[in-house]
Amino acid sequence: MEWTDDAIVLSARPFGDTAALVVMLTREHGRHAGVLHGGQSSRYRGALEPGAQVTARWRARTADQLGTWTVEPVRSATGLYLDDPLRLAAIVAASALMDAMLAEREAHPGLYDATLALFAALDLDIWPAVYVRWEVGLLEEVGFGLDLTQCASTGQPVGNLNDQLAYVSPRTGRAVSASAGEPYRDKLLPLPGFLIGLGFQGGGEEDVAAGLRLTGYFLERHVFAQRHAEVPPARQRLVERYLRANGLPVPGTDGAEPQET
């Protein structure tokens, strides 16, 4: 059995003396693992970094075997940002989340394309907002999409400028309007405006921090906790670097977690 596909490297680790066990997100075949012979050599160092784009050929005698890879490098995402620890951390965090969250061999072509769009957006100043949007999409891919279209209490749609959506229920993932949520604001998660089409404007760093807290809450409580696992450390490192780079408090120092409601 054999196929060739476009792929993003998610992780690689030693396998035996010289080979590497490489996990990739392929566009048409989903998250897939395989052995790359000679993968520990310097020849493949850049090609196996998290986020690297390759053309991958997978071979096995039967579909249920681990199989082997042949790879041709296309683009090294991390190599472009070796002098930018924050953007580099975003690539590594995105790769680690997909490696930990996606089921084996289930195709996610939309997520694949969204990830390439995220990597392309790293050249833009608004890339942190794009990253948060990407995490919202990842949650949807694994079955926990946030409902940010209307107020869970009043049914008011996202376009109601007189009573804009401002919060998210930590229990249901549904948006709540400013008026309906005000009495319970300490129990709700703030909803950054850029997630409902209000743009990325002044104070954007705090909006991004709120977005990272929002997606991080659902990643931890509604994805990884259900699997009795921890959120990948790479994601936490990204958050901490972003907050420190913008003079914002890191998690655990800015108040208690919201209570489910």
Protein backbone atom coordinates (compact mmCIF):
# COMPACT_ATOMS: atom_id res chain seq x y z
CA MET A 1 0.00 0.00 0.00
CA GLU A 2 1.36 3.41 -0.94
CA TRP A 3 0.24 7.04 -1.23
CA THR A 4 1.77 10.51 -1.54
CA ASP A 5 0.38 13.64 0.10
CA ASP A 6 1.22 17.15 1.21
CA ALA A 7 2.05 17.15 4.91
CA ILE A 8 2.97 19.23 7.95
CA VAL A 9 5.38 17.68 10.43
CA LEU A 10 3.90 17.56 13.93
CA SER A 11 6.60 15.68 15.83
CA ALA A 12 9.64 13.49 15.35
CA ARG A 13 11.57 11.39 17.85
CA PRO A 14 14.38 8.82 17.65
CA PHE A 15 13.37 5.32 16.63
CA GLY A 16 16.18 2.83 16.96
CA ASP A 17 19.75 3.85 16.22
CA THR A 18 19.28 6.01 13.13
CA ALA A 19 15.60 6.19 12.21
CA ALA A 20 12.93 8.62 13.43
CA LEU A 21 9.27 8.07 14.27
CA VAL A 22 7.57 10.97 12.51
CA VAL A 23 3.96 12.10 12.97
CA MET A 24 2.50 14.35 10.28
CA LEU A 25 -0.78 16.00 9.44
CA THR A 26 -1.37 15.06 5.81
CA ARG A 27 -3.97 16.93 3.83
CA GLU A 28 -5.98 13.94 2.59
CA HIS A 29 -4.99 11.16 5.02
CA GLY A 30 -5.08 13.01 8.34
CA ARG A 31 -2.70 12.59 11.24
CA HIS A 32 -0.38 9.77 10.28
CA ALA A 33 2.70 8.18 11.82
CA GLY A 34 5.53 6.35 10.15
CA VAL A 35 9.22 5.52 10.37
CA LEU A 36 11.73 7.60 8.42
CA HIS A 37 14.93 5.62 7.93
CA GLY A 38 17.96 7.83 8.49
CA GLY A 39 15.69 10.40 10.10
CA GLN A 40 18.23 11.21 12.84
CA SER A 41 20.82 12.32 10.30
CA SER A 42 21.68 15.95 9.61
CA ARG A 43 20.07 15.60 6.20
CA TYR A 44 16.61 15.70 7.76
CA ARG A 45 17.22 18.11 10.65
CA GLY A 46 15.33 21.04 9.17
CA ALA A 47 12.74 18.91 7.41
CA LEU A 48 11.56 17.31 10.66
CA GLU A 49 11.09 20.44 12.77
CA PRO A 50 7.50 21.02 13.97
CA GLY A 51 5.56 22.91 11.33
CA ALA A 52 7.83 21.93 8.44
CA GLN A 53 5.98 21.41 5.15
CA VAL A 54 6.97 18.36 3.14
CA THR A 55 5.80 16.12 0.36
CA ALA A 56 5.46 12.73 2.05
CA ARG A 57 5.16 9.23 0.63
CA TRP A 58 3.88 6.53 2.98
CA ARG A 59 4.39 2.83 2.33
CA ALA A 60 3.28 -0.32 4.12
CA ARG A 61 2.30 -3.86 3.22
CA THR A 62 -1.13 -3.39 4.82
CA ALA A 63 -3.12 -0.32 5.87
CA ASP A 64 -2.94 -1.10 9.59
CA GLN A 65 0.87 -1.23 9.74
CA LEU A 66 3.03 1.63 11.04
CA GLY A 67 4.61 2.08 7.62
CA THR A 68 7.61 4.07 6.44
CA TRP A 69 8.05 7.61 5.14
CA THR A 70 9.93 9.13 2.26
CA VAL A 71 9.96 12.92 2.49
CA GLU A 72 10.90 15.85 0.29
CA PRO A 73 11.23 19.21 2.10
CA VAL A 74 9.05 22.05 0.84
CA ARG A 75 9.27 24.80 3.47
CA SER A 76 10.61 25.05 7.01
CA ALA A 77 8.23 27.19 9.04
CA THR A 78 10.46 27.30 12.11
CA GLY A 79 13.55 28.14 10.06
CA LEU A 80 11.99 31.46 9.11
CA TYR A 81 11.61 32.58 12.72
CA LEU A 82 14.70 31.33 14.53
CA ASP A 83 15.33 34.88 15.75
CA ASP A 84 11.70 35.39 16.83
CA PRO A 85 10.94 33.20 19.87
CA LEU A 86 7.27 34.22 20.04
CA ARG A 87 6.38 33.29 16.47
CA LEU A 88 8.48 30.16 16.79
CA ALA A 89 6.52 29.25 19.93
CA ALA A 90 3.26 29.63 17.99
CA ILE A 91 4.39 27.12 15.35
CA VAL A 92 5.52 24.62 17.97
CA ALA A 93 2.32 25.06 20.02
CA ALA A 94 0.05 24.57 17.02
CA SER A 95 1.95 21.43 15.99
CA ALA A 96 1.85 20.00 19.53
CA LEU A 97 -1.89 20.63 19.89
CA MET A 98 -2.68 18.85 16.62
CA ASP A 99 -0.38 15.97 17.53
CA ALA A 100 -2.13 15.54 20.87
CA MET A 101 -5.73 16.17 19.81
CA LEU A 102 -6.31 14.66 16.39
CA ALA A 103 -7.35 11.06 15.97
CA GLU A 104 -5.11 8.84 13.88
CA ARG A 105 -5.85 8.69 10.15
CA GLU A 106 -8.93 10.94 10.08
CA ALA A 107 -8.70 13.50 7.27
CA HIS A 108 -8.92 17.20 8.21
CA PRO A 109 -8.31 19.06 4.93
CA GLY A 110 -9.90 22.24 6.26
CA LEU A 111 -7.64 22.26 9.30
CA TYR A 112 -4.63 21.53 7.11
CA ASP A 113 -5.38 24.56 4.94
CA ALA A 114 -6.12 26.71 8.01
CA THR A 115 -2.76 25.76 9.50
CA LEU A 116 -0.92 26.81 6.36
CA ALA A 117 -2.86 30.08 6.48
CA LEU A 118 -1.79 30.53 10.11
CA PHE A 119 1.87 30.01 9.23
CA ALA A 120 1.55 32.51 6.35
CA ALA A 121 -0.07 35.03 8.71
CA LEU A 122 2.97 34.99 10.99
CA ASP A 123 4.44 37.65 8.71
CA LEU A 124 1.62 40.02 9.75
CA ASP A 125 1.31 42.12 12.90
CA ILE A 126 -2.11 40.62 13.61
CA TRP A 127 -0.82 37.04 13.72
CA PRO A 128 -1.70 36.56 17.43
CA ALA A 129 -5.39 37.15 16.64
CA VAL A 130 -5.13 34.71 13.73
CA TYR A 131 -3.61 32.15 16.09
CA VAL A 132 -6.55 32.47 18.51
CA ARG A 133 -8.99 32.05 15.62
CA TRP A 134 -7.04 28.95 14.60
CA GLU A 135 -7.48 27.46 18.08
CA VAL A 136 -11.23 28.14 17.89
CA GLY A 137 -11.26 26.20 14.61
CA LEU A 138 -9.25 23.37 16.14
CA LEU A 139 -11.80 23.05 18.94
CA GLU A 140 -14.52 22.75 16.31
CA GLU A 141 -12.55 20.07 14.44
CA VAL A 142 -12.51 17.83 17.52
CA GLY A 143 -16.18 18.32 18.29
CA PHE A 144 -16.34 21.27 20.65
CA GLY A 145 -17.18 24.27 18.50
CA LEU A 146 -17.94 27.50 20.31
CA ASP A 147 -21.28 29.11 19.47
CA LEU A 148 -20.47 32.80 18.98
CA THR A 149 -23.41 33.64 16.70
CA GLN A 150 -26.08 34.68 19.21
CA CYS A 151 -26.73 35.24 22.91
CA ALA A 152 -27.51 32.03 24.77
CA SER A 153 -29.92 33.92 27.06
CA THR A 154 -31.77 36.34 24.75
CA GLY A 155 -31.20 34.94 21.27
CA GLN A 156 -29.84 38.31 20.09
CA PRO A 157 -27.57 37.79 17.05
CA VAL A 158 -23.93 38.80 16.79
CA GLY A 159 -24.79 41.92 14.74
CA ASN A 160 -26.91 43.59 17.42
CA LEU A 161 -24.82 46.72 18.04
CA ASN A 162 -27.07 47.86 20.91
CA ASP A 163 -26.29 44.79 22.99
CA GLN A 164 -23.13 43.21 21.63
CA LEU A 165 -21.98 39.73 22.54
CA ALA A 166 -19.38 40.13 25.29
CA TYR A 167 -18.99 36.86 27.19
CA VAL A 168 -18.87 33.08 26.77
CA SER A 169 -20.35 30.54 29.16
CA PRO A 170 -17.56 28.27 30.44
CA ARG A 171 -20.04 25.40 30.71
CA THR A 172 -21.64 25.46 27.27
CA GLY A 173 -19.27 27.48 25.07
CA ARG A 174 -22.15 29.73 24.00
CA ALA A 175 -21.90 33.50 23.74
CA VAL A 176 -23.73 35.84 26.11
CA SER A 177 -24.62 39.48 25.44
CA ALA A 178 -23.27 42.36 27.52
CA SER A 179 -26.59 43.05 29.26
CA ALA A 180 -27.47 39.42 29.95
CA GLY A 181 -24.00 38.60 31.17
CA GLU A 182 -23.31 41.64 33.31
CA PRO A 183 -24.78 40.20 36.57
CA TYR A 184 -22.62 37.07 36.10
CA ARG A 185 -19.51 38.61 34.57
CA ASP A 186 -17.22 37.13 37.23
CA LYS A 187 -18.40 33.65 36.26
CA LEU A 188 -18.12 34.15 32.49
CA LEU A 189 -15.21 34.28 30.07
CA PRO A 190 -14.66 37.59 28.23
CA LEU A 191 -15.26 37.35 24.47
CA PRO A 192 -12.72 39.39 22.45
CA GLY A 193 -14.30 41.46 19.70
CA PHE A 194 -12.07 40.15 16.91
CA LEU A 195 -13.72 36.72 17.25
CA ILE A 196 -17.10 38.21 16.27
CA GLY A 197 -15.94 40.45 13.46
CA LEU A 198 -15.27 43.68 15.35
CA GLY A 199 -11.71 43.93 14.13
CA PHE A 200 -8.34 43.96 15.84
CA GLN A 201 -7.94 47.47 17.19
CA GLY A 202 -6.36 49.39 20.08
CA GLY A 203 -5.80 47.27 23.16
CA GLY A 204 -5.41 44.26 20.90
CA GLU A 205 -2.85 42.64 23.17
CA GLU A 206 -5.41 42.34 25.98
CA ASP A 207 -7.99 41.01 23.52
CA VAL A 208 -5.55 38.34 22.39
CA ALA A 209 -4.83 37.46 26.02
CA ALA A 210 -8.58 37.09 26.60
CA GLY A 211 -8.82 34.93 23.48
CA LEU A 212 -5.98 32.68 24.63
CA ARG A 213 -7.64 32.33 28.01
CA LEU A 214 -10.96 31.50 26.33
CA THR A 215 -9.60 28.79 24.06
CA GLY A 216 -7.24 27.54 26.75
CA TYR A 217 -10.14 27.03 29.15
CA PHE A 218 -12.01 24.80 26.69
CA LEU A 219 -8.89 22.98 25.61
CA GLU A 220 -8.11 22.09 29.21
CA ARG A 221 -11.60 21.43 30.60
CA HIS A 222 -13.49 20.06 27.63
CA VAL A 223 -10.81 18.33 25.55
CA PHE A 224 -7.78 17.21 27.53
CA ALA A 225 -9.55 16.63 30.85
CA GLN A 226 -11.94 14.26 29.07
CA ARG A 227 -8.89 12.29 27.92
CA HIS A 228 -7.22 12.42 31.35
CA ALA A 229 -4.32 14.29 29.77
CA GLU A 230 -2.59 17.63 30.14
CA VAL A 231 -2.52 20.47 27.64
CA PRO A 232 0.85 20.25 25.82
CA PRO A 233 3.53 22.33 27.59
CA ALA A 234 4.34 24.02 24.26
CA ARG A 235 0.95 25.74 24.35
CA GLN A 236 1.54 27.05 27.86
CA ARG A 237 4.97 28.33 26.86
CA LEU A 238 3.41 30.27 23.99
CA VAL A 239 0.87 31.89 26.30
CA GLU A 240 3.45 32.82 28.91
CA ARG A 241 5.80 34.30 26.29
CA TYR A 242 3.01 36.32 24.74
CA LEU A 243 1.82 37.70 28.07
CA ARG A 244 5.31 38.58 29.26
CA ALA A 245 6.24 40.17 25.93
CA ASN A 246 3.24 42.49 26.28
CA GLY A 247 3.56 43.23 30.00
CA LEU A 248 0.44 41.25 30.93
CA PRO A 249 0.00 38.97 33.97
CA VAL A 250 0.59 35.27 33.45
CA PRO A 251 -2.06 32.67 34.40
CA GLY A 252 -2.33 32.10 38.13
CA THR A 253 -1.54 35.70 39.02
CA ASP A 254 -4.54 37.55 37.60
CA GLY A 255 -7.42 36.20 39.66
CA ALA A 256 -9.47 33.05 40.04
CA GLU A 257 -10.74 30.90 37.22
CA PRO A 258 -14.39 31.48 36.28
CA GLN A 259 -16.93 29.10 37.70
CA GLU A 260 -19.03 27.03 35.33
CA THR A 261 -22.48 28.43 34.69
